[in-house]
C-alpha atoms as a PDB file:
ATOM      1  CA  MET A   1       4.924  50.311  19.288  1.00  0.00           C
ATOM      2  CA  ALA A   2       4.065  46.820  17.894  1.00  0.00           C
ATOM      3  CA  ALA A   3       2.074  48.402  14.792  1.00  0.00           C
ATOM      4  CA  SER A   4       4.939  50.675  14.046  1.00  0.00           C
ATOM      5  CA  THR A   5       7.368  47.369  14.071  1.00  0.00           C
ATOM      6  CA  LEU A   6       5.099  45.395  12.209  1.00  0.00           C
ATOM      7  CA  GLY A   7       4.589  48.558   9.580  1.00  0.00           C
ATOM      8  CA  VAL A   8       8.788  48.681   9.118  1.00  0.00           C
ATOM      9  CA  GLN A   9       8.840  44.680   8.896  1.00  0.00           C
ATOM     10  CA  CYS A  10       6.556  45.219   5.796  1.00  0.00           C
ATOM     11  CA  VAL A  11       8.539  47.702   4.248  1.00  0.00           C
ATOM     12  CA  LEU A  12      11.748  45.856   4.590  1.00  0.00           C
ATOM     13  CA  ARG A  13       9.801  42.822   3.162  1.00  0.00           C
ATOM     14  CA  ARG A  14       8.754  44.648  -0.208  1.00  0.00           C
ATOM     15  CA  ALA A  15      12.311  46.453  -0.401  1.00  0.00           C
ATOM     16  CA  MET A  16      13.986  42.581  -0.380  1.00  0.00           C
ATOM     17  CA  VAL A  17      11.548  41.410  -2.985  1.00  0.00           C
ATOM     18  CA  PRO A  18      13.117  41.495  -6.222  1.00  0.00           C
ATOM     19  CA  SER A  19      11.759  43.243  -9.342  1.00  0.00           C
ATOM     20  CA  LEU A  20      11.268  39.421 -10.900  1.00  0.00           C
ATOM     21  CA  VAL A  21      12.347  36.116 -10.242  1.00  0.00           C
ATOM     22  CA  VAL A  22      13.702  33.887 -13.180  1.00  0.00           C
ATOM     23  CA  ILE A  23      14.146  30.122 -12.628  1.00  0.00           C
ATOM     24  CA  LEU A  24      16.533  28.475 -15.339  1.00  0.00           C
ATOM     25  CA  GLY A  25      17.490  24.739 -15.681  1.00  0.00           C
ATOM     26  CA  ALA A  26      17.680  21.758 -17.701  1.00  0.00           C
ATOM     27  CA  THR A  27      14.160  20.411 -19.108  1.00  0.00           C
ATOM     28  CA  GLY A  28      12.749  18.353 -16.497  1.00  0.00           C
ATOM     29  CA  THR A  29      14.733  19.681 -13.255  1.00  0.00           C
ATOM     30  CA  GLY A  30      11.501  20.891 -11.509  1.00  0.00           C
ATOM     31  CA  LYS A  31      11.313  24.493 -12.600  1.00  0.00           C
ATOM     32  CA  SER A  32       7.563  24.759 -13.040  1.00  0.00           C
ATOM     33  CA  LYS A  33       7.065  23.128  -9.342  1.00  0.00           C
ATOM     34  CA  LEU A  34       9.616  25.868  -7.790  1.00  0.00           C
ATOM     35  CA  ALA A  35       7.695  28.674  -9.730  1.00  0.00           C
ATOM     36  CA  ILE A  36       4.211  27.553  -8.185  1.00  0.00           C
ATOM     37  CA  GLU A  37       6.075  27.522  -4.564  1.00  0.00           C
ATOM     38  CA  ILE A  38       7.386  30.891  -4.871  1.00  0.00           C
ATOM     39  CA  GLY A  39       4.244  32.036  -6.532  1.00  0.00           C
ATOM     40  CA  LYS A  40       1.811  31.041  -3.508  1.00  0.00           C
ATOM     41  CA  ARG A  41       4.151  32.536  -1.076  1.00  0.00           C
ATOM     42  CA  LEU A  42       5.259  35.738  -2.594  1.00  0.00           C
ATOM     43  CA  GLN A  43       2.013  36.584  -4.754  1.00  0.00           C
ATOM     44  CA  GLY A  44       3.622  35.847  -8.061  1.00  0.00           C
ATOM     45  CA  GLU A  45       2.316  35.560 -11.281  1.00  0.00           C
ATOM     46  CA  ILE A  46       4.498  32.868 -13.585  1.00  0.00           C
ATOM     47  CA  ILE A  47       5.396  33.715 -17.317  1.00  0.00           C
ATOM     48  CA  SER A  48       6.454  30.517 -19.231  1.00  0.00           C
ATOM     49  CA  ALA A  49       9.604  30.971 -21.761  1.00  0.00           C
ATOM     50  CA  ASP A  50       9.909  27.768 -22.750  1.00  0.00           C
ATOM     51  CA  SER A  51       9.191  27.513 -26.637  1.00  0.00           C
ATOM     52  CA  MET A  52      11.069  24.220 -27.560  1.00  0.00           C
ATOM     53  CA  GLN A  53       9.472  21.498 -26.225  1.00  0.00           C
ATOM     54  CA  VAL A  54       6.017  20.206 -26.752  1.00  0.00           C
ATOM     55  CA  GLY A  55       6.348  17.653 -24.189  1.00  0.00           C
ATOM     56  CA  ALA A  56       7.175  20.309 -21.509  1.00  0.00           C
ATOM     57  CA  GLY A  57       4.349  21.912 -22.418  1.00  0.00           C
ATOM     58  CA  VAL A  58       2.095  19.170 -21.553  1.00  0.00           C
ATOM     59  CA  GLU A  59       3.581  18.757 -18.057  1.00  0.00           C
ATOM     60  CA  THR A  60       4.031  22.624 -17.339  1.00  0.00           C
ATOM     61  CA  HIS A  61       0.094  22.992 -18.091  1.00  0.00           C
ATOM     62  CA  ARG A  62      -1.137  19.740 -15.898  1.00  0.00           C
ATOM     63  CA  VAL A  63       0.864  21.059 -13.140  1.00  0.00           C
ATOM     64  CA  LEU A  64      -0.231  24.784 -13.417  1.00  0.00           C
ATOM     65  CA  ASP A  65      -3.757  23.658 -13.975  1.00  0.00           C
ATOM     66  CA  GLU A  66      -3.965  22.240 -10.429  1.00  0.00           C
ATOM     67  CA  ASP A  67      -2.380  25.547  -9.079  1.00  0.00           C
ATOM     68  CA  LEU A  68      -4.195  28.005 -11.262  1.00  0.00           C
ATOM     69  CA  ALA A  69      -5.440  29.890  -8.153  1.00  0.00           C
ATOM     70  CA  ALA A  70      -2.519  30.546  -7.356  1.00  0.00           C
ATOM     71  CA  SER A  71      -0.040  31.614 -10.151  1.00  0.00           C
ATOM     72  CA  VAL A  72      -1.281  32.987 -13.536  1.00  0.00           C
ATOM     73  CA  HIS A  73       0.096  31.263 -16.445  1.00  0.00           C
ATOM     74  CA  LEU A  74       1.043  33.436 -19.530  1.00  0.00           C
ATOM     75  CA  LEU A  75       2.871  32.034 -22.717  1.00  0.00           C
ATOM     76  CA  CYS A  76       5.863  34.088 -23.776  1.00  0.00           C
ATOM     77  CA  SER A  77       7.136  33.857 -27.582  1.00  0.00           C
ATOM     78  CA  GLY A  78       9.461  35.413 -29.417  1.00  0.00           C
ATOM     79  CA  ARG A  79       6.660  37.272 -31.177  1.00  0.00           C
ATOM     80  CA  THR A  80       5.083  38.775 -28.051  1.00  0.00           C
ATOM     81  CA  TRP A  81       7.946  40.268 -26.201  1.00  0.00           C
ATOM     82  CA  SER A  82       6.229  44.001 -26.008  1.00  0.00           C
ATOM     83  CA  LEU A  83       3.096  42.223 -24.777  1.00  0.00           C
ATOM     84  CA  THR A  84       5.196  40.245 -21.876  1.00  0.00           C
ATOM     85  CA  ARG A  85       7.129  43.250 -20.977  1.00  0.00           C
ATOM     86  CA  SER A  86       3.666  45.123 -20.653  1.00  0.00           C
ATOM     87  CA  ASN A  87       2.507  41.905 -18.564  1.00  0.00           C
ATOM     88  CA  ILE A  88       5.628  42.390 -16.074  1.00  0.00           C
ATOM     89  CA  GLU A  89       5.194  46.423 -15.566  1.00  0.00           C
ATOM     90  CA  ASP A  90       1.157  45.486 -15.137  1.00  0.00           C
ATOM     91  CA  MET A  91       2.239  43.084 -12.412  1.00  0.00           C
ATOM     92  CA  HIS A  92       4.571  45.567 -10.495  1.00  0.00           C
ATOM     93  CA  ARG A  93       1.862  48.157 -10.641  1.00  0.00           C
ATOM     94  CA  ARG A  94      -0.466  45.526  -8.849  1.00  0.00           C
ATOM     95  CA  ASN A  95       2.429  44.478  -6.443  1.00  0.00           C
ATOM     96  CA  ARG A  96       2.542  41.066  -8.191  1.00  0.00           C
ATOM     97  CA  LEU A  97       6.055  39.252  -8.236  1.00  0.00           C
ATOM     98  CA  PRO A  98       6.995  38.252 -12.040  1.00  0.00           C
ATOM     99  CA  ILE A  99       8.249  34.862 -12.158  1.00  0.00           C
ATOM    100  CA  ILE A 100       9.894  33.794 -15.553  1.00  0.00           C
ATOM    101  CA  VAL A 101      10.342  30.198 -16.112  1.00  0.00           C
ATOM    102  CA  GLY A 102      12.280  28.731 -18.691  1.00  0.00           C
ATOM    103  CA  GLY A 103      13.105  26.888 -20.571  1.00  0.00           C
ATOM    104  CA  THR A 104      14.239  28.601 -23.827  1.00  0.00           C
ATOM    105  CA  ASN A 105      17.106  30.585 -22.357  1.00  0.00           C
ATOM    106  CA  TYR A 106      17.471  33.092 -25.296  1.00  0.00           C
ATOM    107  CA  TYR A 107      14.203  34.427 -24.608  1.00  0.00           C
ATOM    108  CA  ILE A 108      15.058  35.168 -20.739  1.00  0.00           C
ATOM    109  CA  GLU A 109      18.156  36.559 -22.133  1.00  0.00           C
ATOM    110  CA  SER A 110      16.239  39.107 -23.862  1.00  0.00           C
ATOM    111  CA  LEU A 111      14.007  39.880 -21.464  1.00  0.00           C
ATOM    112  CA  LEU A 112      16.513  40.255 -18.404  1.00  0.00           C
ATOM    113  CA  TRP A 113      19.172  42.284 -20.301  1.00  0.00           C
ATOM    114  CA  ARG A 114      19.247  44.555 -23.302  1.00  0.00           C
ATOM    115  CA  VAL A 115      21.003  42.215 -25.715  1.00  0.00           C
ATOM    116  CA  LEU A 116      18.212  42.443 -28.667  1.00  0.00           C
ATOM    117  CA  LEU A 117      16.551  45.510 -30.108  1.00  0.00           C
ATOM    118  CA  ASP A 118      13.502  47.107 -28.382  1.00  0.00           C
ATOM    119  CA  PRO A 119      10.598  45.265 -29.964  1.00  0.00           C
ATOM    120  CA  ASP A 120       9.075  48.591 -30.591  1.00  0.00           C
ATOM    121  CA  SER A 121      11.535  49.343 -33.480  1.00  0.00           C
ATOM    122  CA  GLY A 122      10.113  46.284 -35.047  1.00  0.00           C
ATOM    123  CA  ASP A 123      12.346  43.220 -33.405  1.00  0.00           C
ATOM    124  CA  GLY A 124      10.078  40.180 -32.592  1.00  0.00           C
ATOM    125  CA  ALA A 125       7.139  41.917 -34.580  1.00  0.00           C
ATOM    126  CA  ASP A 126       5.401  39.243 -36.421  1.00  0.00           C
ATOM    127  CA  GLY A 127       6.150  41.593 -39.819  1.00  0.00           C
ATOM    128  CA  GLY A 128       9.853  41.359 -39.024  1.00  0.00           C
ATOM    129  CA  GLN A 129       9.880  37.480 -38.569  1.00  0.00           C
ATOM    130  CA  ASN A 130       8.295  36.828 -41.595  1.00  0.00           C
ATOM    131  CA  ARG A 131      10.663  38.982 -43.321  1.00  0.00           C
ATOM    132  CA  LYS A 132      13.596  37.158 -41.940  1.00  0.00           C
ATOM    133  CA  MET A 133      11.954  33.661 -42.910  1.00  0.00           C
ATOM    134  CA  GLU A 134      11.713  34.883 -46.269  1.00  0.00           C
ATOM    135  CA  LEU A 135      15.403  35.781 -46.423  1.00  0.00           C
ATOM    136  CA  GLU A 136      16.097  32.677 -44.850  1.00  0.00           C
ATOM    137  CA  LYS A 137      15.104  31.202 -48.171  1.00  0.00           C
ATOM    138  CA  LEU A 138      17.371  32.932 -50.354  1.00  0.00           C
ATOM    139  CA  GLY A 139      20.981  31.364 -50.725  1.00  0.00           C
ATOM    140  CA  GLY A 140      23.927  31.655 -48.457  1.00  0.00           C
ATOM    141  CA  GLU A 141      25.995  33.358 -50.778  1.00  0.00           C
ATOM    142  CA  GLU A 142      23.318  35.719 -51.488  1.00  0.00           C
ATOM    143  CA  LEU A 143      22.589  36.745 -48.112  1.00  0.00           C
ATOM    144  CA  TYR A 144      26.364  37.105 -47.037  1.00  0.00           C
ATOM    145  CA  LYS A 145      26.732  39.368 -50.197  1.00  0.00           C
ATOM    146  CA  ARG A 146      24.066  41.623 -49.152  1.00  0.00           C
ATOM    147  CA  LEU A 147      24.886  41.499 -45.490  1.00  0.00           C
ATOM    148  CA  ALA A 148      28.625  42.534 -46.646  1.00  0.00           C
ATOM    149  CA  GLU A 149      26.943  45.468 -48.608  1.00  0.00           C
ATOM    150  CA  VAL A 150      24.954  47.145 -45.435  1.00  0.00           C
ATOM    151  CA  ASP A 151      27.017  45.888 -42.621  1.00  0.00           C
ATOM    152  CA  PRO A 152      30.694  44.669 -43.197  1.00  0.00           C
ATOM    153  CA  LYS A 153      31.279  44.922 -39.637  1.00  0.00           C
ATOM    154  CA  MET A 154      28.584  42.302 -38.826  1.00  0.00           C
ATOM    155  CA  ALA A 155      29.491  40.404 -41.746  1.00  0.00           C
ATOM    156  CA  SER A 156      32.821  39.919 -40.594  1.00  0.00           C
ATOM    157  CA  MET A 157      31.596  38.463 -37.301  1.00  0.00           C
ATOM    158  CA  LEU A 158      29.539  35.843 -38.867  1.00  0.00           C
ATOM    159  CA  HIS A 159      30.233  32.378 -40.668  1.00  0.00           C
ATOM    160  CA  PRO A 160      29.230  32.957 -44.321  1.00  0.00           C
ATOM    161  CA  ASN A 161      27.037  29.650 -43.970  1.00  0.00           C
ATOM    162  CA  ASP A 162      25.365  30.797 -40.726  1.00  0.00           C
ATOM    163  CA  LYS A 163      21.809  31.808 -42.705  1.00  0.00           C
ATOM    164  CA  ARG A 164      19.900  32.549 -39.613  1.00  0.00           C
ATOM    165  CA  LYS A 165      21.987  35.046 -38.019  1.00  0.00           C
ATOM    166  CA  ILE A 166      22.672  36.705 -41.541  1.00  0.00           C
ATOM    167  CA  ALA A 167      18.707  36.742 -42.177  1.00  0.00           C
ATOM    168  CA  ARG A 168      18.452  38.277 -38.794  1.00  0.00           C
ATOM    169  CA  SER A 169      20.938  40.843 -39.203  1.00  0.00           C
ATOM    170  CA  LEU A 170      19.706  42.122 -42.636  1.00  0.00           C
ATOM    171  CA  GLN A 171      16.171  42.360 -41.072  1.00  0.00           C
ATOM    172  CA  ILE A 172      17.057  44.402 -38.191  1.00  0.00           C
ATOM    173  CA  HIS A 173      18.994  46.687 -40.659  1.00  0.00           C
ATOM    174  CA  LYS A 174      15.940  46.407 -43.126  1.00  0.00           C
ATOM    175  CA  ASP A 175      13.474  47.277 -40.238  1.00  0.00           C
ATOM    176  CA  THR A 176      15.336  49.860 -38.518  1.00  0.00           C
ATOM    177  CA  GLY A 177      17.857  51.493 -41.028  1.00  0.00           C
ATOM    178  CA  VAL A 178      20.469  50.973 -38.652  1.00  0.00           C
ATOM    179  CA  PRO A 179      23.302  48.368 -39.208  1.00  0.00           C
ATOM    180  CA  HIS A 180      23.187  45.471 -36.511  1.00  0.00           C
ATOM    181  CA  SER A 181      26.907  45.882 -35.495  1.00  0.00           C
ATOM    182  CA  ARG A 182      26.089  49.823 -34.569  1.00  0.00           C
ATOM    183  CA  TRP A 183      22.863  48.376 -32.229  1.00  0.00           C
ATOM    184  CA  LEU A 184      25.425  46.099 -30.492  1.00  0.00           C
ATOM    185  CA  GLU A 185      28.067  48.797 -29.824  1.00  0.00           C
ATOM    186  CA  GLU A 186      25.227  50.959 -28.500  1.00  0.00           C
ATOM    187  CA  GLN A 187      24.295  48.398 -26.059  1.00  0.00           C
ATOM    188  CA  ARG A 188      27.507  47.172 -25.114  1.00  0.00           C
ATOM    189  CA  GLY A 189      28.490  50.668 -24.270  1.00  0.00           C
ATOM    190  CA  GLN A 190      25.627  51.661 -22.091  1.00  0.00           C
ATOM    191  CA  LEU A 191      26.516  51.938 -18.122  1.00  0.00           C
ATOM    192  CA  GLY A 192      26.333  48.291 -16.791  1.00  0.00           C
ATOM    193  CA  GLY A 193      26.586  46.731 -20.287  1.00  0.00           C
ATOM    194  CA  ASP A 194      29.572  44.362 -21.071  1.00  0.00           C
ATOM    195  CA  GLY A 195      30.633  42.551 -24.123  1.00  0.00           C
ATOM    196  CA  LEU A 196      27.689  40.061 -24.119  1.00  0.00           C
ATOM    197  CA  GLY A 197      25.266  42.839 -24.458  1.00  0.00           C
ATOM    198  CA  GLY A 198      23.501  45.673 -22.592  1.00  0.00           C
ATOM    199  CA  PRO A 199      22.478  46.449 -19.029  1.00  0.00           C
ATOM    200  CA  LEU A 200      19.735  44.748 -16.909  1.00  0.00           C
ATOM    201  CA  ARG A 201      16.219  45.918 -17.995  1.00  0.00           C
ATOM    202  CA  TYR A 202      14.956  45.230 -14.319  1.00  0.00           C
ATOM    203  CA  PRO A 203      16.955  45.947 -11.175  1.00  0.00           C
ATOM    204  CA  ASP A 204      17.951  43.362  -8.783  1.00  0.00           C
ATOM    205  CA  PRO A 205      16.665  40.487 -10.315  1.00  0.00           C
ATOM    206  CA  CYS A 206      16.811  36.722  -8.259  1.00  0.00           C
ATOM    207  CA  ILE A 207      17.918  34.243 -10.726  1.00  0.00           C
ATOM    208  CA  PHE A 208      17.639  30.398  -9.479  1.00  0.00           C
ATOM    209  CA  TRP A 209      19.537  27.944 -11.696  1.00  0.00           C
ATOM    210  CA  LEU A 210      18.355  24.038 -10.944  1.00  0.00           C
ATOM    211  CA  HIS A 211      20.704  21.568 -11.444  1.00  0.00           C
ATOM    212  CA  ALA A 212      20.448  17.811 -11.336  1.00  0.00           C
ATOM    213  CA  ASP A 213      22.935  14.924 -11.599  1.00  0.00           C
ATOM    214  CA  MET A 214      22.827  14.112 -15.308  1.00  0.00           C
ATOM    215  CA  GLU A 215      22.735  10.372 -14.943  1.00  0.00           C
ATOM    216  CA  ALA A 216      19.665  11.102 -12.673  1.00  0.00           C
ATOM    217  CA  LEU A 217      18.115  13.675 -15.053  1.00  0.00           C
ATOM    218  CA  ASP A 218      18.552  11.175 -17.978  1.00  0.00           C
ATOM    219  CA  GLN A 219      16.421   8.911 -15.971  1.00  0.00           C
ATOM    220  CA  ARG A 220      13.986  11.398 -15.374  1.00  0.00           C
ATOM    221  CA  LEU A 221      13.662  12.743 -18.677  1.00  0.00           C
ATOM    222  CA  ASP A 222      13.117   8.898 -20.426  1.00  0.00           C
ATOM    223  CA  ALA A 223      10.304   8.502 -17.955  1.00  0.00           C
ATOM    224  CA  ARG A 224       8.951  11.876 -18.646  1.00  0.00           C
ATOM    225  CA  VAL A 225       8.571  11.150 -22.123  1.00  0.00           C
ATOM    226  CA  ASP A 226       7.233   8.018 -21.370  1.00  0.00           C
ATOM    227  CA  ASP A 227       4.534   9.797 -19.585  1.00  0.00           C
ATOM    228  CA  MET A 228       3.615  12.046 -22.081  1.00  0.00           C
ATOM    229  CA  LEU A 229       2.958   9.378 -24.313  1.00  0.00           C
ATOM    230  CA  SER A 230       0.801   8.093 -21.751  1.00  0.00           C
ATOM    231  CA  ALA A 231      -0.788  11.329 -21.442  1.00  0.00           C
ATOM    232  CA  GLY A 232      -1.881  11.281 -25.295  1.00  0.00           C
ATOM    233  CA  LEU A 233       1.437  13.086 -26.808  1.00  0.00           C
ATOM    234  CA  MET A 234       0.998  10.880 -29.754  1.00  0.00           C
ATOM    235  CA  GLU A 235      -2.764  12.291 -30.551  1.00  0.00           C
ATOM    236  CA  GLU A 236      -1.475  15.638 -30.207  1.00  0.00           C
ATOM    237  CA  LEU A 237       1.035  15.299 -32.463  1.00  0.00           C
ATOM    238  CA  ARG A 238      -0.873  13.241 -35.162  1.00  0.00           C
ATOM    239  CA  ASP A 239      -4.139  15.992 -34.938  1.00  0.00           C
ATOM    240  CA  PHE A 240      -1.550  18.886 -35.218  1.00  0.00           C
ATOM    241  CA  HIS A 241       0.002  16.833 -38.557  1.00  0.00           C
ATOM    242  CA  LEU A 242      -3.204  16.403 -40.408  1.00  0.00           C
ATOM    243  CA  ARG A 243      -4.355  20.250 -39.735  1.00  0.00           C
ATOM    244  CA  TYR A 244      -1.311  22.046 -40.123  1.00  0.00           C
ATOM    245  CA  ASN A 245       1.848  19.993 -41.223  1.00  0.00           C
ATOM    246  CA  GLN A 246       0.372  17.349 -43.980  1.00  0.00           C
ATOM    247  CA  GLN A 247      -0.201  19.795 -46.708  1.00  0.00           C
ATOM    248  CA  LYS A 248       3.289  21.232 -46.134  1.00  0.00           C
ATOM    249  CA  VAL A 249       4.936  18.026 -46.199  1.00  0.00           C
ATOM    250  CA  GLN A 250       2.796  17.127 -49.526  1.00  0.00           C
ATOM    251  CA  ASP A 251       4.002  20.471 -51.332  1.00  0.00           C
ATOM    252  CA  ASP A 252       7.447  19.466 -50.179  1.00  0.00           C
ATOM    253  CA  GLY A 253       7.499  22.831 -48.174  1.00  0.00           C
ATOM    254  CA  GLN A 254       8.121  21.545 -44.795  1.00  0.00           C
ATOM    255  CA  ASP A 255      11.150  23.026 -42.755  1.00  0.00           C
ATOM    256  CA  TYR A 256      11.084  21.865 -39.109  1.00  0.00           C
ATOM    257  CA  GLN A 257      13.827  24.901 -38.477  1.00  0.00           C
ATOM    258  CA  HIS A 258      11.033  27.400 -38.240  1.00  0.00           C
ATOM    259  CA  GLY A 259       8.131  28.458 -35.943  1.00  0.00           C
ATOM    260  CA  ILE A 260       6.390  25.794 -33.758  1.00  0.00           C
ATOM    261  CA  PHE A 261       7.469  23.023 -36.069  1.00  0.00           C
ATOM    262  CA  GLN A 262      11.384  23.291 -34.409  1.00  0.00           C
ATOM    263  CA  SER A 263       9.830  21.940 -31.208  1.00  0.00           C
ATOM    264  CA  ILE A 264      11.068  18.458 -30.093  1.00  0.00           C
ATOM    265  CA  GLY A 265       8.555  15.983 -31.040  1.00  0.00           C
ATOM    266  CA  PHE A 266       7.485  16.837 -34.738  1.00  0.00           C
ATOM    267  CA  LYS A 267      10.434  15.913 -36.663  1.00  0.00           C
ATOM    268  CA  GLU A 268      11.331  13.178 -34.355  1.00  0.00           C
ATOM    269  CA  PHE A 269       7.952  11.715 -35.486  1.00  0.00           C
ATOM    270  CA  HIS A 270       8.104  12.857 -39.036  1.00  0.00           C
ATOM    271  CA  ASP A 271       8.464   9.413 -40.426  1.00  0.00           C
ATOM    272  CA  TYR A 272       5.805   7.498 -38.492  1.00  0.00           C
ATOM    273  CA  LEU A 273       3.320  10.745 -39.166  1.00  0.00           C
ATOM    274  CA  THR A 274       4.029  10.427 -42.898  1.00  0.00           C
ATOM    275  CA  ALA A 275       4.036   6.711 -43.506  1.00  0.00           C
ATOM    276  CA  PRO A 276       1.943   5.601 -46.755  1.00  0.00           C
ATOM    277  CA  GLU A 277      -1.327   4.323 -45.624  1.00  0.00           C
ATOM    278  CA  SER A 278      -0.475   0.775 -47.413  1.00  0.00           C
ATOM    279  CA  SER A 279       2.348   0.623 -44.663  1.00  0.00           C
ATOM    280  CA  GLY A 280       1.800  -2.412 -42.786  1.00  0.00           C
ATOM    281  CA  GLN A 281       1.251  -2.405 -38.784  1.00  0.00           C
ATOM    282  CA  GLN A 282       4.228  -3.879 -38.021  1.00  0.00           C
ATOM    283  CA  GLU A 283       6.403  -1.055 -40.126  1.00  0.00           C
ATOM    284  CA  LYS A 284       4.311   1.868 -38.501  1.00  0.00           C
ATOM    285  CA  ASP A 285       5.510   0.134 -34.870  1.00  0.00           C
ATOM    286  CA  LYS A 286       8.946   0.368 -35.784  1.00  0.00           C
ATOM    287  CA  LEU A 287       8.563   3.770 -37.131  1.00  0.00           C
ATOM    288  CA  ARG A 288       6.878   4.742 -33.888  1.00  0.00           C
ATOM    289  CA  VAL A 289       9.450   3.330 -31.784  1.00  0.00           C
ATOM    290  CA  LYS A 290      11.925   4.834 -33.813  1.00  0.00           C
ATOM    291  CA  GLY A 291      10.409   8.137 -32.962  1.00  0.00           C
ATOM    292  CA  ILE A 292      10.256   7.617 -29.154  1.00  0.00           C
ATOM    293  CA  GLU A 293      13.780   6.779 -28.987  1.00  0.00           C
ATOM    294  CA  ALA A 294      14.697   9.713 -31.073  1.00  0.00           C
ATOM    295  CA  LEU A 295      12.644  11.911 -28.910  1.00  0.00           C
ATOM    296  CA  LYS A 296      14.373  10.767 -25.967  1.00  0.00           C
ATOM    297  CA  VAL A 297      17.691  11.156 -27.488  1.00  0.00           C
ATOM    298  CA  ALA A 298      16.576  14.900 -28.369  1.00  0.00           C
ATOM    299  CA  THR A 299      15.195  15.644 -25.015  1.00  0.00           C
ATOM    300  CA  LYS A 300      18.381  14.941 -23.436  1.00  0.00           C
ATOM    301  CA  ARG A 301      20.246  16.883 -25.780  1.00  0.00           C
ATOM    302  CA  TYR A 302      18.153  19.816 -25.363  1.00  0.00           C
ATOM    303  CA  ALA A 303      18.862  19.396 -21.444  1.00  0.00           C
ATOM    304  CA  ARG A 304      22.558  19.584 -22.189  1.00  0.00           C
ATOM    305  CA  LYS A 305      22.214  22.500 -24.143  1.00  0.00           C
ATOM    306  CA  GLN A 306      20.493  24.578 -21.856  1.00  0.00           C
ATOM    307  CA  ASN A 307      22.817  24.124 -19.424  1.00  0.00           C
ATOM    308  CA  LYS A 308      25.634  25.009 -21.666  1.00  0.00           C
ATOM    309  CA  TRP A 309      23.900  28.057 -22.738  1.00  0.00           C
ATOM    310  CA  VAL A 310      23.808  29.264 -18.919  1.00  0.00           C
ATOM    311  CA  ARG A 311      27.276  28.526 -18.356  1.00  0.00           C
ATOM    312  CA  ASN A 312      28.415  30.717 -21.541  1.00  0.00           C
ATOM    313  CA  ARG A 313      25.958  33.540 -21.516  1.00  0.00           C
ATOM    314  CA  PHE A 314      24.636  33.524 -17.651  1.00  0.00           C
ATOM    315  CA  LEU A 315      27.718  32.860 -15.549  1.00  0.00           C
ATOM    316  CA  LYS A 316      30.064  35.167 -17.561  1.00  0.00           C
ATOM    317  CA  ARG A 317      28.785  37.995 -16.833  1.00  0.00           C
ATOM    318  CA  GLU A 318      29.230  40.492 -14.514  1.00  0.00           C
END
């Protein structure tokens, strides 16, 4: 009887475990630490969905290294959706609980709901991303004209100066042969869909939104930047600049709106990293302080942006 009761309890416990856990929240609210605790207790594996912040990666990796035996950390980026979803399916087969931590709510939304094209159709692949970047190099007027020709309905929904969204819609049409507006209509019309997109990809997810008093969070984020600097952030940025960024700047081809270069940290220290060798130490120190202050402002602005996204995209869903 006792063994039978224990078996029933185990079945009930398995039935109550969600298909995946998602931990949202502004940077600095303790998402990684909560993910590790859940991972320990429920045999979970962690997928990071924070692409924007260099500093967040420094702290997250330090925390995860200490608990690597308890949780497996996988990097999630806009170009690895097929791989990420395969990893989630593999975790389910092994009775492990996927724990998505972010970060970049755009990525999380794409995993939770069918709001984007399926990666197998080309969206999110390296080729598609490269085509989108090439399109963005064109003038806004030319881009908008092209979109109006192939997808007038989508063009009517976008501002003519929003080059990134226009380029994305053109890239989707190019990759699939189907207008972006038609994809959206089909997804929103599916059972469980709504005005924001299609239905959930995985049933019964558990979503945590970590909150903090903004004044207290601002103080924590300032301290966090100081900790990152002590941990060698400047050395990392300088090394990356010399290896990957310096030539782009010299060729006047740097664009801090694409790829890893849009991460917080690169553009804030641009003046410091590109200062002429003839600059005096006092001038370099001023540029360094300027970069630190800009990094703190950008980090706090990013935190507010993350919360705004949650309110506008997650809480408004049925």
